[in-house]
Amino acid sequence: MLKIVWEFPTYKVEDKATAGSTARRVRTALTAQEAFKVIAGKDPRPLLVLRECKTCNGTDDALLSKGADNERTSLMSTWFHCVKLPVDVLQPDHPFYEMFGHDDAEHLFVAMPDGSSKIKLQSDTSRTELWAAMGQMLNSSYKKDTQPVIKEVRKFLDRMDVLDTRLTGLKEKRNDVIEKDGQHSSKLDKVDSEIAEVHKEIDAMKAEIAEATKLELKDNGAVKDGSVPAKAGR
């Protein structure tokens, strides 16, 4: 549930030809306004855009930090349209080049879908500054304050951890029964019943989290895919 769901947008480059020559693919930068329009697409949520570098390529290291409260960051990302752009986005001919500052380009930023209210951030930005920037954008975008929702969801996740631990113990117990008494042991029925009950509680918890994380945008209606269960496993 805490896996950040990234989008990796691309832009089709047109083939161009001059008189007497063969058509060749020419890549040119869009204007910042055009680039944001392509990146945002039909997703009305605020943007969280991460520019990959040679060091963090293929990871979330620029956003998540070892030893930091990554759970909070991941939860807040639920209400963003999260976008990753490739290392070469800083090449002047890249279609999305104009989205970044040309000098000392930021590593990531949050912004409204049209690029307005942009807040530049770096990979070494403190968690406090990161959450403040994300929170500012969420408050500008959603009708409901997200902070109480985050607290509520984290309580749910703590309870989910307890259920996960219990489920692991029951599965180990089931394996022990099979090892000692075989696949047809009468003891398995009780253990399987307990396992089914825990799964039922987990499903109910996921439904509560999904309901808690559904927020409405101030001007654009309900958020699409805005609930934690839409993500991969925790």
C-alpha atoms as a PDB file:
ATOM      1  CA  MET A   1       0.000   0.000   0.000  1.00  0.00           C
ATOM      2  CA  LEU A   2       2.950   2.318   0.519  1.00  0.00           C
ATOM      3  CA  LYS A   3       4.570   1.802  -2.858  1.00  0.00           C
ATOM      4  CA  ILE A   4       4.633   5.070  -4.783  1.00  0.00           C
ATOM      5  CA  VAL A   5       2.917   4.705  -8.152  1.00  0.00           C
ATOM      6  CA  TRP A   6       5.015   6.513 -10.770  1.00  0.00           C
ATOM      7  CA  GLU A   7       4.105   7.497 -14.299  1.00  0.00           C
ATOM      8  CA  PHE A   8       6.843   7.639 -16.943  1.00  0.00           C
ATOM      9  CA  PRO A   9       5.521   9.983 -19.656  1.00  0.00           C
ATOM     10  CA  THR A  10       6.948  10.167 -23.138  1.00  0.00           C
ATOM     11  CA  TYR A  11       6.402  12.541 -26.028  1.00  0.00           C
ATOM     12  CA  LYS A  12       6.286  11.430 -29.639  1.00  0.00           C
ATOM     13  CA  VAL A  13       8.912  13.182 -31.730  1.00  0.00           C
ATOM     14  CA  GLU A  14       7.843  14.019 -35.258  1.00  0.00           C
ATOM     15  CA  ASP A  15       9.817  13.094 -38.347  1.00  0.00           C
ATOM     16  CA  LYS A  16      10.841  16.078 -40.446  1.00  0.00           C
ATOM     17  CA  ALA A  17      12.378  16.264 -43.897  1.00  0.00           C
ATOM     18  CA  THR A  18      13.897  19.037 -45.974  1.00  0.00           C
ATOM     19  CA  ALA A  19      13.865  19.199 -49.762  1.00  0.00           C
ATOM     20  CA  GLY A  20      15.950  16.450 -51.305  1.00  0.00           C
ATOM     21  CA  SER A  21      16.664  14.702 -47.989  1.00  0.00           C
ATOM     22  CA  THR A  22      15.337  11.714 -46.107  1.00  0.00           C
ATOM     23  CA  ALA A  23      12.996  12.316 -43.185  1.00  0.00           C
ATOM     24  CA  ARG A  24      14.759  12.197 -39.849  1.00  0.00           C
ATOM     25  CA  ARG A  25      13.514  12.370 -36.314  1.00  0.00           C
ATOM     26  CA  VAL A  26      14.044  15.810 -34.797  1.00  0.00           C
ATOM     27  CA  ARG A  27      13.676  16.294 -31.042  1.00  0.00           C
ATOM     28  CA  THR A  28      12.939  19.779 -29.758  1.00  0.00           C
ATOM     29  CA  ALA A  29      11.916  21.187 -26.390  1.00  0.00           C
ATOM     30  CA  LEU A  30       8.299  22.119 -25.822  1.00  0.00           C
ATOM     31  CA  THR A  31       7.431  25.334 -24.053  1.00  0.00           C
ATOM     32  CA  ALA A  32       6.991  24.909 -20.295  1.00  0.00           C
ATOM     33  CA  GLN A  33       3.231  25.378 -20.699  1.00  0.00           C
ATOM     34  CA  GLU A  34       3.037  22.694 -23.381  1.00  0.00           C
ATOM     35  CA  ALA A  35       5.246  20.334 -21.373  1.00  0.00           C
ATOM     36  CA  PHE A  36       3.072  20.598 -18.274  1.00  0.00           C
ATOM     37  CA  LYS A  37      -0.027  20.005 -20.381  1.00  0.00           C
ATOM     38  CA  VAL A  38       1.479  16.778 -21.742  1.00  0.00           C
ATOM     39  CA  ILE A  39       2.708  15.647 -18.324  1.00  0.00           C
ATOM     40  CA  ALA A  40      -0.575  16.338 -16.517  1.00  0.00           C
ATOM     41  CA  GLY A  41      -2.729  14.733 -19.188  1.00  0.00           C
ATOM     42  CA  LYS A  42      -6.250  14.176 -17.845  1.00  0.00           C
ATOM     43  CA  ASP A  43      -5.126  13.685 -14.237  1.00  0.00           C
ATOM     44  CA  PRO A  44      -6.441  16.618 -12.156  1.00  0.00           C
ATOM     45  CA  ARG A  45      -4.251  15.963  -9.118  1.00  0.00           C
ATOM     46  CA  PRO A  46      -1.273  18.180  -8.219  1.00  0.00           C
ATOM     47  CA  LEU A  47       2.042  17.065  -9.658  1.00  0.00           C
ATOM     48  CA  LEU A  48       5.023  15.541  -7.892  1.00  0.00           C
ATOM     49  CA  VAL A  49       7.775  15.372 -10.513  1.00  0.00           C
ATOM     50  CA  LEU A  50      11.103  13.624  -9.959  1.00  0.00           C
ATOM     51  CA  ARG A  51      14.041  14.075 -12.301  1.00  0.00           C
ATOM     52  CA  GLU A  52      16.219  10.976 -12.287  1.00  0.00           C
ATOM     53  CA  CYS A  53      20.002  11.259 -12.266  1.00  0.00           C
ATOM     54  CA  LYS A  54      22.794   8.752 -12.862  1.00  0.00           C
ATOM     55  CA  THR A  55      22.980   8.089  -9.116  1.00  0.00           C
ATOM     56  CA  CYS A  56      19.300   7.571  -8.325  1.00  0.00           C
ATOM     57  CA  ASN A  57      18.189   6.164 -11.696  1.00  0.00           C
ATOM     58  CA  GLY A  58      15.703   3.336 -11.181  1.00  0.00           C
ATOM     59  CA  THR A  59      15.183   4.063  -7.476  1.00  0.00           C
ATOM     60  CA  ASP A  60      13.148   6.385  -5.250  1.00  0.00           C
ATOM     61  CA  ASP A  61      16.259   7.533  -3.372  1.00  0.00           C
ATOM     62  CA  ALA A  62      15.826  11.183  -4.365  1.00  0.00           C
ATOM     63  CA  LEU A  63      12.466  11.255  -2.583  1.00  0.00           C
ATOM     64  CA  LEU A  64      12.790   8.624   0.144  1.00  0.00           C
ATOM     65  CA  SER A  65      15.619   8.625   2.668  1.00  0.00           C
ATOM     66  CA  LYS A  66      17.088   5.835   4.715  1.00  0.00           C
ATOM     67  CA  GLY A  67      16.113   6.136   8.360  1.00  0.00           C
ATOM     68  CA  ALA A  68      13.533   8.839   7.625  1.00  0.00           C
ATOM     69  CA  ASP A  69       9.778   8.671   7.998  1.00  0.00           C
ATOM     70  CA  ASN A  70       9.159   7.379   4.496  1.00  0.00           C
ATOM     71  CA  GLU A  71       5.712   6.121   5.423  1.00  0.00           C
ATOM     72  CA  ARG A  72       4.472   9.701   5.738  1.00  0.00           C
ATOM     73  CA  THR A  73       6.023  10.665   2.397  1.00  0.00           C
ATOM     74  CA  SER A  74       4.465   7.663   0.670  1.00  0.00           C
ATOM     75  CA  LEU A  75       1.048   8.374   2.154  1.00  0.00           C
ATOM     76  CA  MET A  76       1.173  12.013   1.050  1.00  0.00           C
ATOM     77  CA  SER A  77       2.155  10.929  -2.460  1.00  0.00           C
ATOM     78  CA  THR A  78      -1.204   9.129  -2.686  1.00  0.00           C
ATOM     79  CA  TRP A  79      -2.903  12.430  -3.532  1.00  0.00           C
ATOM     80  CA  PHE A  80      -0.305  13.476  -6.129  1.00  0.00           C
ATOM     81  CA  HIS A  81       0.104  12.604  -9.765  1.00  0.00           C
ATOM     82  CA  CYS A  82       3.641  11.202  -9.394  1.00  0.00           C
ATOM     83  CA  VAL A  83       5.852  11.510 -12.475  1.00  0.00           C
ATOM     84  CA  LYS A  84       9.420  10.384 -13.154  1.00  0.00           C
ATOM     85  CA  LEU A  85      11.443  11.908 -15.954  1.00  0.00           C
ATOM     86  CA  PRO A  86      14.656  10.414 -17.420  1.00  0.00           C
ATOM     87  CA  VAL A  87      18.229  11.501 -16.851  1.00  0.00           C
ATOM     88  CA  ASP A  88      18.459  13.274 -20.218  1.00  0.00           C
ATOM     89  CA  VAL A  89      15.554  15.630 -19.444  1.00  0.00           C
ATOM     90  CA  LEU A  90      18.172  18.342 -18.890  1.00  0.00           C
ATOM     91  CA  GLN A  91      19.317  18.090 -22.514  1.00  0.00           C
ATOM     92  CA  PRO A  92      18.184  21.335 -24.264  1.00  0.00           C
ATOM     93  CA  ASP A  93      16.399  19.358 -26.993  1.00  0.00           C
ATOM     94  CA  HIS A  94      14.407  17.143 -24.598  1.00  0.00           C
ATOM     95  CA  PRO A  95      10.634  17.794 -24.917  1.00  0.00           C
ATOM     96  CA  PHE A  96      10.304  18.435 -21.153  1.00  0.00           C
ATOM     97  CA  TYR A  97      13.494  20.478 -20.720  1.00  0.00           C
ATOM     98  CA  GLU A  98      11.694  23.762 -20.058  1.00  0.00           C
ATOM     99  CA  MET A  99       9.970  22.351 -16.961  1.00  0.00           C
ATOM    100  CA  PHE A 100      13.219  22.679 -15.018  1.00  0.00           C
ATOM    101  CA  GLY A 101      15.428  25.604 -14.152  1.00  0.00           C
ATOM    102  CA  HIS A 102      18.346  25.750 -16.537  1.00  0.00           C
ATOM    103  CA  ASP A 103      20.916  26.570 -13.857  1.00  0.00           C
ATOM    104  CA  ASP A 104      21.271  24.212 -10.894  1.00  0.00           C
ATOM    105  CA  ALA A 105      18.095  22.386 -11.916  1.00  0.00           C
ATOM    106  CA  GLU A 106      15.969  21.053  -9.090  1.00  0.00           C
ATOM    107  CA  HIS A 107      15.869  17.281  -8.526  1.00  0.00           C
ATOM    108  CA  LEU A 108      12.129  17.251  -7.910  1.00  0.00           C
ATOM    109  CA  PHE A 109       9.244  19.635  -7.530  1.00  0.00           C
ATOM    110  CA  VAL A 110       5.570  19.839  -6.665  1.00  0.00           C
ATOM    111  CA  ALA A 111       3.195  21.994  -8.671  1.00  0.00           C
ATOM    112  CA  MET A 112      -0.367  22.420  -9.833  1.00  0.00           C
ATOM    113  CA  PRO A 113      -1.186  20.469 -13.035  1.00  0.00           C
ATOM    114  CA  ASP A 114      -0.546  23.553 -15.193  1.00  0.00           C
ATOM    115  CA  GLY A 115       2.853  24.145 -13.557  1.00  0.00           C
ATOM    116  CA  SER A 116       1.722  27.061 -11.399  1.00  0.00           C
ATOM    117  CA  SER A 117       2.659  27.397  -7.697  1.00  0.00           C
ATOM    118  CA  LYS A 118       5.764  25.317  -8.372  1.00  0.00           C
ATOM    119  CA  ILE A 119       7.966  24.537  -5.363  1.00  0.00           C
ATOM    120  CA  LYS A 120      11.491  23.406  -6.214  1.00  0.00           C
ATOM    121  CA  LEU A 121      13.150  20.726  -4.066  1.00  0.00           C
ATOM    122  CA  GLN A 122      16.455  18.868  -3.990  1.00  0.00           C
ATOM    123  CA  SER A 123      17.278  15.281  -3.014  1.00  0.00           C
ATOM    124  CA  ASP A 124      18.970  16.524   0.183  1.00  0.00           C
ATOM    125  CA  THR A 125      15.944  18.606   1.201  1.00  0.00           C
ATOM    126  CA  SER A 126      14.985  17.892   4.817  1.00  0.00           C
ATOM    127  CA  ARG A 127      11.881  15.777   5.397  1.00  0.00           C
ATOM    128  CA  THR A 128      10.292  18.727   7.198  1.00  0.00           C
ATOM    129  CA  GLU A 129      10.736  20.969   4.144  1.00  0.00           C
ATOM    130  CA  LEU A 130       9.540  18.204   1.808  1.00  0.00           C
ATOM    131  CA  TRP A 131       6.368  17.576   3.847  1.00  0.00           C
ATOM    132  CA  ALA A 132       5.735  21.308   4.143  1.00  0.00           C
ATOM    133  CA  ALA A 133       5.934  21.696   0.350  1.00  0.00           C
ATOM    134  CA  MET A 134       3.756  18.661  -0.278  1.00  0.00           C
ATOM    135  CA  GLY A 135       1.291  19.780   2.389  1.00  0.00           C
ATOM    136  CA  GLN A 136       1.071  23.277   0.922  1.00  0.00           C
ATOM    137  CA  MET A 137       0.207  21.851  -2.493  1.00  0.00           C
ATOM    138  CA  LEU A 138      -2.348  19.435  -1.039  1.00  0.00           C
ATOM    139  CA  ASN A 139      -4.036  22.206   0.946  1.00  0.00           C
ATOM    140  CA  SER A 140      -4.290  24.258  -2.236  1.00  0.00           C
ATOM    141  CA  SER A 141      -5.760  21.338  -4.162  1.00  0.00           C
ATOM    142  CA  TYR A 142      -8.150  19.489  -1.861  1.00  0.00           C
ATOM    143  CA  LYS A 143     -11.262  20.480   0.045  1.00  0.00           C
ATOM    144  CA  LYS A 144     -10.303  18.416   3.097  1.00  0.00           C
ATOM    145  CA  ASP A 145      -7.175  18.808   5.223  1.00  0.00           C
ATOM    146  CA  THR A 146      -4.981  15.763   4.562  1.00  0.00           C
ATOM    147  CA  GLN A 147      -3.078  15.808   7.867  1.00  0.00           C
ATOM    148  CA  PRO A 148      -5.872  14.275  10.002  1.00  0.00           C
ATOM    149  CA  VAL A 149      -6.391  11.704   7.248  1.00  0.00           C
ATOM    150  CA  ILE A 150      -2.716  10.752   7.351  1.00  0.00           C
ATOM    151  CA  LYS A 151      -2.879  10.265  11.121  1.00  0.00           C
ATOM    152  CA  GLU A 152      -5.986   8.118  10.766  1.00  0.00           C
ATOM    153  CA  VAL A 153      -4.476   5.977   8.003  1.00  0.00           C
ATOM    154  CA  ARG A 154      -1.256   5.449   9.962  1.00  0.00           C
ATOM    155  CA  LYS A 155      -3.328   4.062  12.832  1.00  0.00           C
ATOM    156  CA  PHE A 156      -4.969   1.692  10.378  1.00  0.00           C
ATOM    157  CA  LEU A 157      -1.543   0.632   9.109  1.00  0.00           C
ATOM    158  CA  ASP A 158      -0.345  -0.062  12.658  1.00  0.00           C
ATOM    159  CA  ARG A 159      -3.341  -2.332  13.132  1.00  0.00           C
ATOM    160  CA  MET A 160      -2.571  -3.919   9.768  1.00  0.00           C
ATOM    161  CA  ASP A 161       0.947  -4.704  11.014  1.00  0.00           C
ATOM    162  CA  VAL A 162      -0.564  -6.561  13.981  1.00  0.00           C
ATOM    163  CA  LEU A 163      -2.774  -8.568  11.630  1.00  0.00           C
ATOM    164  CA  ASP A 164       0.183  -9.335   9.345  1.00  0.00           C
ATOM    165  CA  THR A 165       2.175 -10.634  12.309  1.00  0.00           C
ATOM    166  CA  ARG A 166      -0.753 -12.755  13.427  1.00  0.00           C
ATOM    167  CA  LEU A 167      -1.198 -14.131   9.901  1.00  0.00           C
ATOM    168  CA  THR A 168       2.482 -15.059   9.674  1.00  0.00           C
ATOM    169  CA  GLY A 169       2.238 -16.905  12.990  1.00  0.00           C
ATOM    170  CA  LEU A 170      -0.828 -18.833  11.865  1.00  0.00           C
ATOM    171  CA  LYS A 171       0.833 -19.869   8.619  1.00  0.00           C
ATOM    172  CA  GLU A 172       3.844 -21.135  10.555  1.00  0.00           C
ATOM    173  CA  LYS A 173       1.476 -22.997  12.881  1.00  0.00           C
ATOM    174  CA  ARG A 174      -0.227 -24.580   9.869  1.00  0.00           C
ATOM    175  CA  ASN A 175       3.105 -25.758   8.471  1.00  0.00           C
ATOM    176  CA  ASP A 176       3.998 -27.273  11.840  1.00  0.00           C
ATOM    177  CA  VAL A 177       0.699 -29.181  11.960  1.00  0.00           C
ATOM    178  CA  ILE A 178       1.282 -30.571   8.454  1.00  0.00           C
ATOM    179  CA  GLU A 179       4.852 -31.534   9.313  1.00  0.00           C
ATOM    180  CA  LYS A 180       3.789 -33.357  12.504  1.00  0.00           C
ATOM    181  CA  ASP A 181       0.345 -34.766  11.631  1.00  0.00           C
ATOM    182  CA  GLY A 182       0.158 -34.681   7.830  1.00  0.00           C
ATOM    183  CA  GLN A 183      -2.066 -32.971   5.268  1.00  0.00           C
ATOM    184  CA  HIS A 184      -5.253 -34.635   6.565  1.00  0.00           C
ATOM    185  CA  SER A 185      -4.899 -33.615  10.203  1.00  0.00           C
ATOM    186  CA  SER A 186      -8.152 -32.547  11.863  1.00  0.00           C
ATOM    187  CA  LYS A 187      -6.251 -29.662  13.458  1.00  0.00           C
ATOM    188  CA  LEU A 188      -5.911 -27.949  10.073  1.00  0.00           C
ATOM    189  CA  ASP A 189      -9.587 -26.991   9.955  1.00  0.00           C
ATOM    190  CA  LYS A 190      -9.256 -24.789  13.029  1.00  0.00           C
ATOM    191  CA  VAL A 191      -6.043 -23.152  11.823  1.00  0.00           C
ATOM    192  CA  ASP A 192      -7.485 -22.544   8.338  1.00  0.00           C
ATOM    193  CA  SER A 193     -10.578 -20.992   9.920  1.00  0.00           C
ATOM    194  CA  GLU A 194      -8.394 -18.602  11.931  1.00  0.00           C
ATOM    195  CA  ILE A 195      -6.378 -17.720   8.829  1.00  0.00           C
ATOM    196  CA  ALA A 196      -9.579 -16.988   6.897  1.00  0.00           C
ATOM    197  CA  GLU A 197     -10.798 -14.742   9.710  1.00  0.00           C
ATOM    198  CA  VAL A 198      -7.562 -12.703   9.668  1.00  0.00           C
ATOM    199  CA  HIS A 199      -7.808 -12.314   5.894  1.00  0.00           C
ATOM    200  CA  LYS A 200     -11.356 -11.059   6.387  1.00  0.00           C
ATOM    201  CA  GLU A 201     -10.153  -8.479   8.924  1.00  0.00           C
ATOM    202  CA  ILE A 202      -7.377  -7.365   6.577  1.00  0.00           C
ATOM    203  CA  ASP A 203      -9.850  -6.907   3.707  1.00  0.00           C
ATOM    204  CA  ALA A 204     -12.120  -4.867   5.984  1.00  0.00           C
ATOM    205  CA  MET A 205      -9.158  -2.721   7.011  1.00  0.00           C
ATOM    206  CA  LYS A 206      -8.235  -2.084   3.377  1.00  0.00           C
ATOM    207  CA  ALA A 207     -11.800  -0.974   2.696  1.00  0.00           C
ATOM    208  CA  GLU A 208     -11.621   1.467   5.628  1.00  0.00           C
ATOM    209  CA  ILE A 209      -8.323   2.878   4.343  1.00  0.00           C
ATOM    210  CA  ALA A 210      -9.775   3.241   0.838  1.00  0.00           C
ATOM    211  CA  GLU A 211     -12.715   5.200   2.219  1.00  0.00           C
ATOM    212  CA  ALA A 212     -10.516   7.395   4.425  1.00  0.00           C
ATOM    213  CA  THR A 213      -8.187   8.353   1.556  1.00  0.00           C
ATOM    214  CA  LYS A 214     -10.848   9.367  -0.946  1.00  0.00           C
ATOM    215  CA  LEU A 215     -10.590  13.145  -1.117  1.00  0.00           C
ATOM    216  CA  GLU A 216     -12.263  15.678  -3.348  1.00  0.00           C
ATOM    217  CA  LEU A 217     -10.396  18.302  -5.309  1.00  0.00           C
ATOM    218  CA  LYS A 218     -11.478  21.871  -4.734  1.00  0.00           C
ATOM    219  CA  ASP A 219     -12.536  22.535  -8.303  1.00  0.00           C
ATOM    220  CA  ASN A 220     -12.211  19.334 -10.301  1.00  0.00           C
ATOM    221  CA  GLY A 221     -14.336  16.739  -8.502  1.00  0.00           C
ATOM    222  CA  ALA A 222     -13.292  13.420  -6.997  1.00  0.00           C
ATOM    223  CA  VAL A 223      -9.730  12.218  -7.363  1.00  0.00           C
ATOM    224  CA  LYS A 224      -9.135   9.300  -9.674  1.00  0.00           C
ATOM    225  CA  ASP A 225      -7.103   6.405  -8.246  1.00  0.00           C
ATOM    226  CA  GLY A 226      -6.567   8.419  -5.092  1.00  0.00           C
ATOM    227  CA  SER A 227      -6.833   5.655  -2.495  1.00  0.00           C
ATOM    228  CA  VAL A 228      -3.989   3.709  -0.961  1.00  0.00           C
ATOM    229  CA  PRO A 229      -5.357   0.244  -1.944  1.00  0.00           C
ATOM    230  CA  ALA A 230      -4.843   1.122  -5.603  1.00  0.00           C
ATOM    231  CA  LYS A 231      -1.134   0.649  -4.948  1.00  0.00           C
ATOM    232  CA  ALA A 232       0.945  -2.476  -4.638  1.00  0.00           C
ATOM    233  CA  GLY A 233       1.502  -4.331  -1.374  1.00  0.00           C
ATOM    234  CA  ARG A 234       2.987  -2.635   1.643  1.00  0.00           C
END
